[in-house]
Amino acid sequence: MVLNDEIKNLAKEAPFVPISTVSSQGEQHLIVVGEVKEINDDVLTFGIYKMETTQENLVDTGDMQVVLASTNDEPKGYRLTGTAHAEDGKVLFEAEQAESLL
């Protein structure tokens, strides 16, 4: 399991979440979204507000990175790498790797 309890707790407290996707031409697209809406096993769910380029990139490659960070109690952060897809007004991201940033 990639998302351990520390990462899941961090996902719940992170006020904003940067996500990055990549197009089939290799162009990165970075945006900031609001909170993580749902956590199931290794899957984080985000609500879609516009995100047109992000959704196009997910259709093209499915590659996505998520950064979770907080300064509550102590500074901590993780970069999550995995794949995602959009469905029913949500982006479902499955973490395949977690790297500590701090």
PDB file of N, CA and C in Angstrom:
ATOM      1  N   MET A   1       0.835  -1.181   0.000  1.00  0.00           N
ATOM      2  CA  MET A   1       0.000   0.000   0.000  1.00  0.00           C
ATOM      3  C   MET A   1       0.886   1.252   0.000  1.00  0.00           C
ATOM      4  N   VAL A   2       0.668   2.135  -0.941  1.00  0.00           N
ATOM      5  CA  VAL A   2       1.477   3.340  -1.093  1.00  0.00           C
ATOM      6  C   VAL A   2       1.049   4.422  -0.105  1.00  0.00           C
ATOM      7  N   LEU A   3      -0.253   4.597   0.050  1.00  0.00           N
ATOM      8  CA  LEU A   3      -0.761   5.641   0.939  1.00  0.00           C
ATOM      9  C   LEU A   3      -0.871   5.110   2.360  1.00  0.00           C
ATOM     10  N   ASN A   4       0.164   5.404   3.163  1.00  0.00           N
ATOM     11  CA  ASN A   4       0.125   4.985   4.566  1.00  0.00           C
ATOM     12  C   ASN A   4      -0.724   5.974   5.369  1.00  0.00           C
ATOM     13  N   ASP A   5      -0.878   5.731   6.664  1.00  0.00           N
ATOM     14  CA  ASP A   5      -1.726   6.579   7.496  1.00  0.00           C
ATOM     15  C   ASP A   5      -1.230   8.024   7.537  1.00  0.00           C
ATOM     16  N   GLU A   6       0.090   8.225   7.585  1.00  0.00           N
ATOM     17  CA  GLU A   6       0.626   9.588   7.612  1.00  0.00           C
ATOM     18  C   GLU A   6       0.241  10.356   6.348  1.00  0.00           C
ATOM     19  N   ILE A   7       0.357   9.716   5.190  1.00  0.00           N
ATOM     20  CA  ILE A   7       0.012  10.366   3.926  1.00  0.00           C
ATOM     21  C   ILE A   7      -1.487  10.626   3.859  1.00  0.00           C
ATOM     22  N   LYS A   8      -2.290   9.680   4.286  1.00  0.00           N
ATOM     23  CA  LYS A   8      -3.745   9.870   4.277  1.00  0.00           C
ATOM     24  C   LYS A   8      -4.155  11.026   5.187  1.00  0.00           C
ATOM     25  N   ASN A   9      -3.545  11.131   6.357  1.00  0.00           N
ATOM     26  CA  ASN A   9      -3.841  12.245   7.258  1.00  0.00           C
ATOM     27  C   ASN A   9      -3.415  13.571   6.636  1.00  0.00           C
ATOM     28  N   LEU A  10      -2.275  13.572   5.982  1.00  0.00           N
ATOM     29  CA  LEU A  10      -1.792  14.769   5.309  1.00  0.00           C
ATOM     30  C   LEU A  10      -2.755  15.175   4.195  1.00  0.00           C
ATOM     31  N   ALA A  11      -3.275  14.213   3.463  1.00  0.00           N
ATOM     32  CA  ALA A  11      -4.240  14.497   2.388  1.00  0.00           C
ATOM     33  C   ALA A  11      -5.496  15.150   2.947  1.00  0.00           C
ATOM     34  N   LYS A  12      -5.891  14.771   4.144  1.00  0.00           N
ATOM     35  CA  LYS A  12      -7.093  15.344   4.768  1.00  0.00           C
ATOM     36  C   LYS A  12      -6.872  16.776   5.244  1.00  0.00           C
ATOM     37  N   GLU A  13      -5.626  17.124   5.622  1.00  0.00           N
ATOM     38  CA  GLU A  13      -5.374  18.449   6.177  1.00  0.00           C
ATOM     39  C   GLU A  13      -4.801  19.446   5.183  1.00  0.00           C
ATOM     40  N   ALA A  14      -4.352  19.004   4.016  1.00  0.00           N
ATOM     41  CA  ALA A  14      -3.758  19.915   3.029  1.00  0.00           C
ATOM     42  C   ALA A  14      -4.842  20.846   2.468  1.00  0.00           C
ATOM     43  N   PRO A  15      -4.665  22.163   2.638  1.00  0.00           N
ATOM     44  CA  PRO A  15      -5.694  23.103   2.182  1.00  0.00           C
ATOM     45  C   PRO A  15      -5.761  23.243   0.663  1.00  0.00           C
ATOM     46  N   PHE A  16      -4.638  23.079  -0.005  1.00  0.00           N
ATOM     47  CA  PHE A  16      -4.556  23.136  -1.463  1.00  0.00           C
ATOM     48  C   PHE A  16      -3.621  22.029  -1.918  1.00  0.00           C
ATOM     49  N   VAL A  17      -3.896  21.492  -3.099  1.00  0.00           N
ATOM     50  CA  VAL A  17      -3.111  20.367  -3.590  1.00  0.00           C
ATOM     51  C   VAL A  17      -2.657  20.642  -5.027  1.00  0.00           C
ATOM     52  N   PRO A  18      -1.349  20.812  -5.249  1.00  0.00           N
ATOM     53  CA  PRO A  18      -0.842  20.924  -6.616  1.00  0.00           C
ATOM     54  C   PRO A  18      -0.885  19.563  -7.307  1.00  0.00           C
ATOM     55  N   ILE A  19      -1.382  19.561  -8.540  1.00  0.00           N
ATOM     56  CA  ILE A  19      -1.347  18.338  -9.347  1.00  0.00           C
ATOM     57  C   ILE A  19      -0.734  18.676 -10.703  1.00  0.00           C
ATOM     58  N   SER A  20       0.007  17.730 -11.224  1.00  0.00           N
ATOM     59  CA  SER A  20       0.684  17.920 -12.501  1.00  0.00           C
ATOM     60  C   SER A  20       0.348  16.749 -13.419  1.00  0.00           C
ATOM     61  N   THR A  21       0.009  17.087 -14.660  1.00  0.00           N
ATOM     62  CA  THR A  21      -0.225  16.072 -15.684  1.00  0.00           C
ATOM     63  C   THR A  21       0.713  16.358 -16.839  1.00  0.00           C
ATOM     64  N   VAL A  22       0.777  15.442 -17.780  1.00  0.00           N
ATOM     65  CA  VAL A  22       1.651  15.618 -18.947  1.00  0.00           C
ATOM     66  C   VAL A  22       0.878  15.204 -20.202  1.00  0.00           C
ATOM     67  N   SER A  23       1.062  16.009 -21.251  1.00  0.00           N
ATOM     68  CA  SER A  23       0.384  15.721 -22.518  1.00  0.00           C
ATOM     69  C   SER A  23       1.136  14.629 -23.287  1.00  0.00           C
ATOM     70  N   SER A  24       0.550  14.178 -24.367  1.00  0.00           N
ATOM     71  CA  SER A  24       1.217  13.173 -25.200  1.00  0.00           C
ATOM     72  C   SER A  24       2.447  13.770 -25.905  1.00  0.00           C
ATOM     73  N   GLN A  25       2.560  15.105 -25.956  1.00  0.00           N
ATOM     74  CA  GLN A  25       3.730  15.767 -26.521  1.00  0.00           C
ATOM     75  C   GLN A  25       4.797  16.023 -25.457  1.00  0.00           C
ATOM     76  N   GLY A  26       4.553  15.600 -24.219  1.00  0.00           N
ATOM     77  CA  GLY A  26       5.516  15.764 -23.145  1.00  0.00           C
ATOM     78  C   GLY A  26       5.428  17.096 -22.413  1.00  0.00           C
ATOM     79  N   GLU A  27       4.406  17.886 -22.678  1.00  0.00           N
ATOM     80  CA  GLU A  27       4.236  19.178 -22.022  1.00  0.00           C
ATOM     81  C   GLU A  27       3.570  18.989 -20.663  1.00  0.00           C
ATOM     82  N   GLN A  28       4.212  19.524 -19.617  1.00  0.00           N
ATOM     83  CA  GLN A  28       3.641  19.422 -18.285  1.00  0.00           C
ATOM     84  C   GLN A  28       2.599  20.498 -18.070  1.00  0.00           C
ATOM     85  N   HIS A  29       1.606  20.171 -17.266  1.00  0.00           N
ATOM     86  CA  HIS A  29       0.541  21.116 -16.929  1.00  0.00           C
ATOM     87  C   HIS A  29       0.320  21.021 -15.420  1.00  0.00           C
ATOM     88  N   LEU A  30       0.617  22.120 -14.711  1.00  0.00           N
ATOM     89  CA  LEU A  30       0.516  22.166 -13.259  1.00  0.00           C
ATOM     90  C   LEU A  30      -0.647  23.059 -12.858  1.00  0.00           C
ATOM     91  N   ILE A  31      -1.503  22.557 -11.960  1.00  0.00           N
ATOM     92  CA  ILE A  31      -2.593  23.356 -11.411  1.00  0.00           C
ATOM     93  C   ILE A  31      -2.663  23.111  -9.902  1.00  0.00           C
ATOM     94  N   VAL A  32      -3.431  23.936  -9.237  1.00  0.00           N
ATOM     95  CA  VAL A  32      -3.683  23.752  -7.811  1.00  0.00           C
ATOM     96  C   VAL A  32      -5.176  23.526  -7.645  1.00  0.00           C
ATOM     97  N   VAL A  33      -5.515  22.473  -6.927  1.00  0.00           N
ATOM     98  CA  VAL A  33      -6.920  22.167  -6.668  1.00  0.00           C
ATOM     99  C   VAL A  33      -7.187  22.304  -5.171  1.00  0.00           C
ATOM    100  N   GLY A  34      -8.447  22.272  -4.836  1.00  0.00           N
ATOM    101  CA  GLY A  34      -8.816  22.318  -3.427  1.00  0.00           C
ATOM    102  C   GLY A  34      -8.554  20.982  -2.771  1.00  0.00           C
ATOM    103  N   GLU A  35      -9.211  20.748  -1.726  1.00  0.00           N
ATOM    104  CA  GLU A  35      -8.979  19.562  -0.902  1.00  0.00           C
ATOM    105  C   GLU A  35      -9.229  18.240  -1.622  1.00  0.00           C
ATOM    106  N   VAL A  36      -8.648  17.203  -1.068  1.00  0.00           N
ATOM    107  CA  VAL A  36      -8.926  15.841  -1.506  1.00  0.00           C
ATOM    108  C   VAL A  36     -10.343  15.515  -1.033  1.00  0.00           C
ATOM    109  N   LYS A  37     -11.192  15.085  -1.948  1.00  0.00           N
ATOM    110  CA  LYS A  37     -12.598  14.826  -1.624  1.00  0.00           C
ATOM    111  C   LYS A  37     -12.796  13.475  -0.939  1.00  0.00           C
ATOM    112  N   GLU A  38     -11.993  12.485  -1.338  1.00  0.00           N
ATOM    113  CA  GLU A  38     -12.188  11.125  -0.834  1.00  0.00           C
ATOM    114  C   GLU A  38     -10.882  10.354  -0.930  1.00  0.00           C
ATOM    115  N   ILE A  39     -10.683   9.413   0.000  1.00  0.00           N
ATOM    116  CA  ILE A  39      -9.500   8.552  -0.003  1.00  0.00           C
ATOM    117  C   ILE A  39      -9.969   7.106   0.151  1.00  0.00           C
ATOM    118  N   ASN A  40      -9.603   6.273  -0.814  1.00  0.00           N
ATOM    119  CA  ASN A  40      -9.910   4.841  -0.761  1.00  0.00           C
ATOM    120  C   ASN A  40      -8.664   4.066  -1.127  1.00  0.00           C
ATOM    121  N   ASP A  41      -8.122   3.322  -0.178  1.00  0.00           N
ATOM    122  CA  ASP A  41      -6.892   2.560  -0.401  1.00  0.00           C
ATOM    123  C   ASP A  41      -5.814   3.494  -0.946  1.00  0.00           C
ATOM    124  N   ASP A  42      -5.358   3.271  -2.184  1.00  0.00           N
ATOM    125  CA  ASP A  42      -4.323   4.103  -2.791  1.00  0.00           C
ATOM    126  C   ASP A  42      -4.898   5.113  -3.785  1.00  0.00           C
ATOM    127  N   VAL A  43      -6.200   5.390  -3.710  1.00  0.00           N
ATOM    128  CA  VAL A  43      -6.858   6.295  -4.657  1.00  0.00           C
ATOM    129  C   VAL A  43      -7.325   7.569  -3.949  1.00  0.00           C
ATOM    130  N   LEU A  44      -6.882   8.716  -4.505  1.00  0.00           N
ATOM    131  CA  LEU A  44      -7.345  10.022  -4.045  1.00  0.00           C
ATOM    132  C   LEU A  44      -8.332  10.553  -5.082  1.00  0.00           C
ATOM    133  N   THR A  45      -9.431  11.120  -4.606  1.00  0.00           N
ATOM    134  CA  THR A  45     -10.453  11.670  -5.498  1.00  0.00           C
ATOM    135  C   THR A  45     -10.510  13.181  -5.349  1.00  0.00           C
ATOM    136  N   PHE A  46     -10.513  13.870  -6.489  1.00  0.00           N
ATOM    137  CA  PHE A  46     -10.613  15.322  -6.539  1.00  0.00           C
ATOM    138  C   PHE A  46     -11.861  15.703  -7.333  1.00  0.00           C
ATOM    139  N   GLY A  47     -12.535  16.772  -6.918  1.00  0.00           N
ATOM    140  CA  GLY A  47     -13.644  17.295  -7.699  1.00  0.00           C
ATOM    141  C   GLY A  47     -13.108  18.061  -8.898  1.00  0.00           C
ATOM    142  N   ILE A  48     -13.857  18.052  -9.983  1.00  0.00           N
ATOM    143  CA  ILE A  48     -13.446  18.762 -11.192  1.00  0.00           C
ATOM    144  C   ILE A  48     -14.119  20.127 -11.229  1.00  0.00           C
ATOM    145  N   TYR A  49     -13.302  21.163 -11.349  1.00  0.00           N
ATOM    146  CA  TYR A  49     -13.781  22.509 -11.635  1.00  0.00           C
ATOM    147  C   TYR A  49     -12.991  22.970 -12.855  1.00  0.00           C
ATOM    148  N   LYS A  50     -13.617  22.938 -13.985  1.00  0.00           N
ATOM    149  CA  LYS A  50     -12.972  23.188 -15.278  1.00  0.00           C
ATOM    150  C   LYS A  50     -11.951  22.090 -15.557  1.00  0.00           C
ATOM    151  N   MET A  51     -10.669  22.327 -15.305  1.00  0.00           N
ATOM    152  CA  MET A  51      -9.627  21.317 -15.494  1.00  0.00           C
ATOM    153  C   MET A  51      -9.618  20.733 -16.914  1.00  0.00           C
ATOM    154  N   GLU A  52      -9.876  21.575 -17.909  1.00  0.00           N
ATOM    155  CA  GLU A  52      -9.970  21.082 -19.280  1.00  0.00           C
ATOM    156  C   GLU A  52      -8.659  20.471 -19.775  1.00  0.00           C
ATOM    157  N   THR A  53      -7.550  21.187 -19.599  1.00  0.00           N
ATOM    158  CA  THR A  53      -6.254  20.662 -20.053  1.00  0.00           C
ATOM    159  C   THR A  53      -5.870  19.423 -19.257  1.00  0.00           C
ATOM    160  N   THR A  54      -6.121  19.456 -17.954  1.00  0.00           N
ATOM    161  CA  THR A  54      -5.832  18.293 -17.115  1.00  0.00           C
ATOM    162  C   THR A  54      -6.583  17.069 -17.622  1.00  0.00           C
ATOM    163  N   GLN A  55      -7.867  17.227 -17.901  1.00  0.00           N
ATOM    164  CA  GLN A  55      -8.667  16.102 -18.382  1.00  0.00           C
ATOM    165  C   GLN A  55      -8.169  15.595 -19.740  1.00  0.00           C
ATOM    166  N   GLU A  56      -7.788  16.522 -20.632  1.00  0.00           N
ATOM    167  CA  GLU A  56      -7.243  16.110 -21.932  1.00  0.00           C
ATOM    168  C   GLU A  56      -5.961  15.300 -21.743  1.00  0.00           C
ATOM    169  N   ASN A  57      -5.085  15.775 -20.847  1.00  0.00           N
ATOM    170  CA  ASN A  57      -3.837  15.057 -20.586  1.00  0.00           C
ATOM    171  C   ASN A  57      -4.093  13.678 -19.996  1.00  0.00           C
ATOM    172  N   LEU A  58      -5.089  13.570 -19.146  1.00  0.00           N
ATOM    173  CA  LEU A  58      -5.395  12.261 -18.553  1.00  0.00           C
ATOM    174  C   LEU A  58      -5.880  11.280 -19.608  1.00  0.00           C
ATOM    175  N   VAL A  59      -6.634  11.766 -20.581  1.00  0.00           N
ATOM    176  CA  VAL A  59      -7.057  10.899 -21.687  1.00  0.00           C
ATOM    177  C   VAL A  59      -5.841  10.489 -22.506  1.00  0.00           C
ATOM    178  N   ASP A  60      -4.942  11.463 -22.761  1.00  0.00           N
ATOM    179  CA  ASP A  60      -3.759  11.199 -23.593  1.00  0.00           C
ATOM    180  C   ASP A  60      -2.770  10.238 -22.936  1.00  0.00           C
ATOM    181  N   THR A  61      -2.407  10.517 -21.668  1.00  0.00           N
ATOM    182  CA  THR A  61      -1.331   9.737 -21.042  1.00  0.00           C
ATOM    183  C   THR A  61      -1.738   9.083 -19.723  1.00  0.00           C
ATOM    184  N   GLY A  62      -2.621   9.731 -18.979  1.00  0.00           N
ATOM    185  CA  GLY A  62      -3.008   9.215 -17.665  1.00  0.00           C
ATOM    186  C   GLY A  62      -1.991   9.480 -16.571  1.00  0.00           C
ATOM    187  N   ASP A  63      -0.832  10.039 -16.924  1.00  0.00           N
ATOM    188  CA  ASP A  63       0.235  10.293 -15.949  1.00  0.00           C
ATOM    189  C   ASP A  63      -0.102  11.508 -15.088  1.00  0.00           C
ATOM    190  N   MET A  64       0.126  11.374 -13.776  1.00  0.00           N
ATOM    191  CA  MET A  64      -0.186  12.476 -12.876  1.00  0.00           C
ATOM    192  C   MET A  64       0.694  12.400 -11.645  1.00  0.00           C
ATOM    193  N   GLN A  65       1.050  13.584 -11.119  1.00  0.00           N
ATOM    194  CA  GLN A  65       1.728  13.696  -9.833  1.00  0.00           C
ATOM    195  C   GLN A  65       0.911  14.610  -8.939  1.00  0.00           C
ATOM    196  N   VAL A  66       0.955  14.320  -7.647  1.00  0.00           N
ATOM    197  CA  VAL A  66       0.233  15.085  -6.630  1.00  0.00           C
ATOM    198  C   VAL A  66       1.225  15.437  -5.532  1.00  0.00           C
ATOM    199  N   VAL A  67       1.172  16.667  -5.045  1.00  0.00           N
ATOM    200  CA  VAL A  67       2.001  17.065  -3.911  1.00  0.00           C
ATOM    201  C   VAL A  67       1.084  17.358  -2.736  1.00  0.00           C
ATOM    202  N   LEU A  68       1.377  16.713  -1.616  1.00  0.00           N
ATOM    203  CA  LEU A  68       0.655  16.955  -0.365  1.00  0.00           C
ATOM    204  C   LEU A  68       1.646  17.554   0.615  1.00  0.00           C
ATOM    205  N   ALA A  69       1.308  18.698   1.187  1.00  0.00           N
ATOM    206  CA  ALA A  69       2.223  19.351   2.118  1.00  0.00           C
ATOM    207  C   ALA A  69       1.426  20.113   3.171  1.00  0.00           C
ATOM    208  N   SER A  70       2.025  20.221   4.350  1.00  0.00           N
ATOM    209  CA  SER A  70       1.394  20.937   5.448  1.00  0.00           C
ATOM    210  C   SER A  70       2.455  21.396   6.433  1.00  0.00           C
ATOM    211  N   THR A  71       2.152  22.451   7.145  1.00  0.00           N
ATOM    212  CA  THR A  71       3.031  22.908   8.225  1.00  0.00           C
ATOM    213  C   THR A  71       2.346  22.758   9.579  1.00  0.00           C
ATOM    214  N   ASN A  72       1.197  22.107   9.621  1.00  0.00           N
ATOM    215  CA  ASN A  72       0.534  21.834  10.897  1.00  0.00           C
ATOM    216  C   ASN A  72       1.432  20.938  11.743  1.00  0.00           C
ATOM    217  N   ASP A  73       1.597  21.283  13.000  1.00  0.00           N
ATOM    218  CA  ASP A  73       2.463  20.560  13.930  1.00  0.00           C
ATOM    219  C   ASP A  73       3.937  20.647  13.514  1.00  0.00           C
ATOM    220  N   GLU A  74       4.272  20.119  12.340  1.00  0.00           N
ATOM    221  CA  GLU A  74       5.637  20.173  11.807  1.00  0.00           C
ATOM    222  C   GLU A  74       5.563  20.128  10.287  1.00  0.00           C
ATOM    223  N   PRO A  75       6.542  20.703   9.605  1.00  0.00           N
ATOM    224  CA  PRO A  75       6.536  20.647   8.139  1.00  0.00           C
ATOM    225  C   PRO A  75       6.679  19.210   7.643  1.00  0.00           C
ATOM    226  N   LYS A  76       5.836  18.847   6.678  1.00  0.00           N
ATOM    227  CA  LYS A  76       5.924  17.527   6.066  1.00  0.00           C
ATOM    228  C   LYS A  76       5.311  17.590   4.681  1.00  0.00           C
ATOM    229  N   GLY A  77       5.758  16.715   3.819  1.00  0.00           N
ATOM    230  CA  GLY A  77       5.225  16.700   2.468  1.00  0.00           C
ATOM    231  C   GLY A  77       5.622  15.449   1.711  1.00  0.00           C
ATOM    232  N   TYR A  78       4.826  15.125   0.703  1.00  0.00           N
ATOM    233  CA  TYR A  78       5.061  13.963  -0.153  1.00  0.00           C
ATOM    234  C   TYR A  78       4.714  14.304  -1.591  1.00  0.00           C
ATOM    235  N   ARG A  79       5.505  13.743  -2.517  1.00  0.00           N
ATOM    236  CA  ARG A  79       5.161  13.773  -3.933  1.00  0.00           C
ATOM    237  C   ARG A  79       4.672  12.378  -4.280  1.00  0.00           C
ATOM    238  N   LEU A  80       3.470  12.301  -4.807  1.00  0.00           N
ATOM    239  CA  LEU A  80       2.873  11.038  -5.200  1.00  0.00           C
ATOM    240  C   LEU A  80       2.860  10.954  -6.721  1.00  0.00           C
ATOM    241  N   THR A  81       3.277   9.829  -7.248  1.00  0.00           N
ATOM    242  CA  THR A  81       3.295   9.597  -8.688  1.00  0.00           C
ATOM    243  C   THR A  81       2.380   8.426  -8.994  1.00  0.00           C
ATOM    244  N   GLY A  82       1.614   8.564 -10.072  1.00  0.00           N
ATOM    245  CA  GLY A  82       0.720   7.476 -10.447  1.00  0.00           C
ATOM    246  C   GLY A  82      -0.051   7.799 -11.711  1.00  0.00           C
ATOM    247  N   THR A  83      -1.214   7.201 -11.830  1.00  0.00           N
ATOM    248  CA  THR A  83      -2.065   7.408 -12.996  1.00  0.00           C
ATOM    249  C   THR A  83      -3.447   7.862 -12.534  1.00  0.00           C
ATOM    250  N   ALA A  84      -4.142   8.528 -13.443  1.00  0.00           N
ATOM    251  CA  ALA A  84      -5.466   9.046 -13.092  1.00  0.00           C
ATOM    252  C   ALA A  84      -6.378   9.031 -14.311  1.00  0.00           C
ATOM    253  N   HIS A  85      -7.658   9.148 -14.025  1.00  0.00           N
ATOM    254  CA  HIS A  85      -8.655   9.317 -15.085  1.00  0.00           C
ATOM    255  C   HIS A  85      -9.816  10.131 -14.513  1.00  0.00           C
ATOM    256  N   ALA A  86     -10.572  10.737 -15.411  1.00  0.00           N
ATOM    257  CA  ALA A  86     -11.736  11.526 -15.011  1.00  0.00           C
ATOM    258  C   ALA A  86     -13.001  10.724 -15.288  1.00  0.00           C
ATOM    259  N   GLU A  87     -13.922  10.781 -14.319  1.00  0.00           N
ATOM    260  CA  GLU A  87     -15.230  10.154 -14.514  1.00  0.00           C
ATOM    261  C   GLU A  87     -16.237  10.788 -13.556  1.00  0.00           C
ATOM    262  N   ASP A  88     -17.448  10.977 -14.031  1.00  0.00           N
ATOM    263  CA  ASP A  88     -18.547  11.488 -13.209  1.00  0.00           C
ATOM    264  C   ASP A  88     -18.190  12.757 -12.440  1.00  0.00           C
ATOM    265  N   GLY A  89     -17.490  13.692 -13.090  1.00  0.00           N
ATOM    266  CA  GLY A  89     -17.159  14.962 -12.455  1.00  0.00           C
ATOM    267  C   GLY A  89     -16.066  14.878 -11.404  1.00  0.00           C
ATOM    268  N   LYS A  90     -15.274  13.809 -11.457  1.00  0.00           N
ATOM    269  CA  LYS A  90     -14.185  13.621 -10.495  1.00  0.00           C
ATOM    270  C   LYS A  90     -12.930  13.154 -11.215  1.00  0.00           C
ATOM    271  N   VAL A  91     -11.787  13.448 -10.608  1.00  0.00           N
ATOM    272  CA  VAL A  91     -10.514  12.866 -11.044  1.00  0.00           C
ATOM    273  C   VAL A  91     -10.129  11.837  -9.994  1.00  0.00           C
ATOM    274  N   LEU A  92      -9.909  10.609 -10.443  1.00  0.00           N
ATOM    275  CA  LEU A  92      -9.496   9.523  -9.562  1.00  0.00           C
ATOM    276  C   LEU A  92      -8.027   9.226  -9.838  1.00  0.00           C
ATOM    277  N   PHE A  93      -7.196   9.478  -8.829  1.00  0.00           N
ATOM    278  CA  PHE A  93      -5.753   9.319  -8.939  1.00  0.00           C
ATOM    279  C   PHE A  93      -5.308   8.121  -8.116  1.00  0.00           C
ATOM    280  N   GLU A  94      -4.648   7.166  -8.765  1.00  0.00           N
ATOM    281  CA  GLU A  94      -4.112   6.001  -8.052  1.00  0.00           C
ATOM    282  C   GLU A  94      -2.618   6.168  -7.859  1.00  0.00           C
ATOM    283  N   ALA A  95      -2.207   6.300  -6.606  1.00  0.00           N
ATOM    284  CA  ALA A  95      -0.791   6.486  -6.273  1.00  0.00           C
ATOM    285  C   ALA A  95      -0.043   5.172  -6.465  1.00  0.00           C
ATOM    286  N   GLU A  96       1.077   5.259  -7.168  1.00  0.00           N
ATOM    287  CA  GLU A  96       1.933   4.088  -7.386  1.00  0.00           C
ATOM    288  C   GLU A  96       3.268   4.218  -6.660  1.00  0.00           C
ATOM    289  N   GLN A  97       3.605   5.475  -6.288  1.00  0.00           N
ATOM    290  CA  GLN A  97       4.861   5.739  -5.609  1.00  0.00           C
ATOM    291  C   GLN A  97       4.714   6.977  -4.733  1.00  0.00           C
ATOM    292  N   ALA A  98       5.342   6.970  -3.554  1.00  0.00           N
ATOM    293  CA  ALA A  98       5.342   8.124  -2.660  1.00  0.00           C
ATOM    294  C   ALA A  98       6.785   8.460  -2.300  1.00  0.00           C
ATOM    295  N   GLU A  99       7.116   9.753  -2.395  1.00  0.00           N
ATOM    296  CA  GLU A  99       8.461  10.219  -2.086  1.00  0.00           C
ATOM    297  C   GLU A  99       8.359  11.348  -1.068  1.00  0.00           C
ATOM    298  N   SER A 100       9.055  11.198   0.045  1.00  0.00           N
ATOM    299  CA  SER A 100       9.046  12.232   1.067  1.00  0.00           C
ATOM    300  C   SER A 100       9.788  13.473   0.561  1.00  0.00           C
ATOM    301  N   LEU A 101       9.206  14.649   0.804  1.00  0.00           N
ATOM    302  CA  LEU A 101       9.819  15.903   0.359  1.00  0.00           C
ATOM    303  C   LEU A 101      10.551  16.626   1.462  1.00  0.00           C
ATOM    304  N   LEU A 102      10.251  16.323   2.700  1.00  0.00           N
ATOM    305  CA  LEU A 102      10.865  17.031   3.822  1.00  0.00           C
ATOM    306  C   LEU A 102      11.504  16.057   4.784  1.00  0.00           C
TER     307      LEU A 102
END
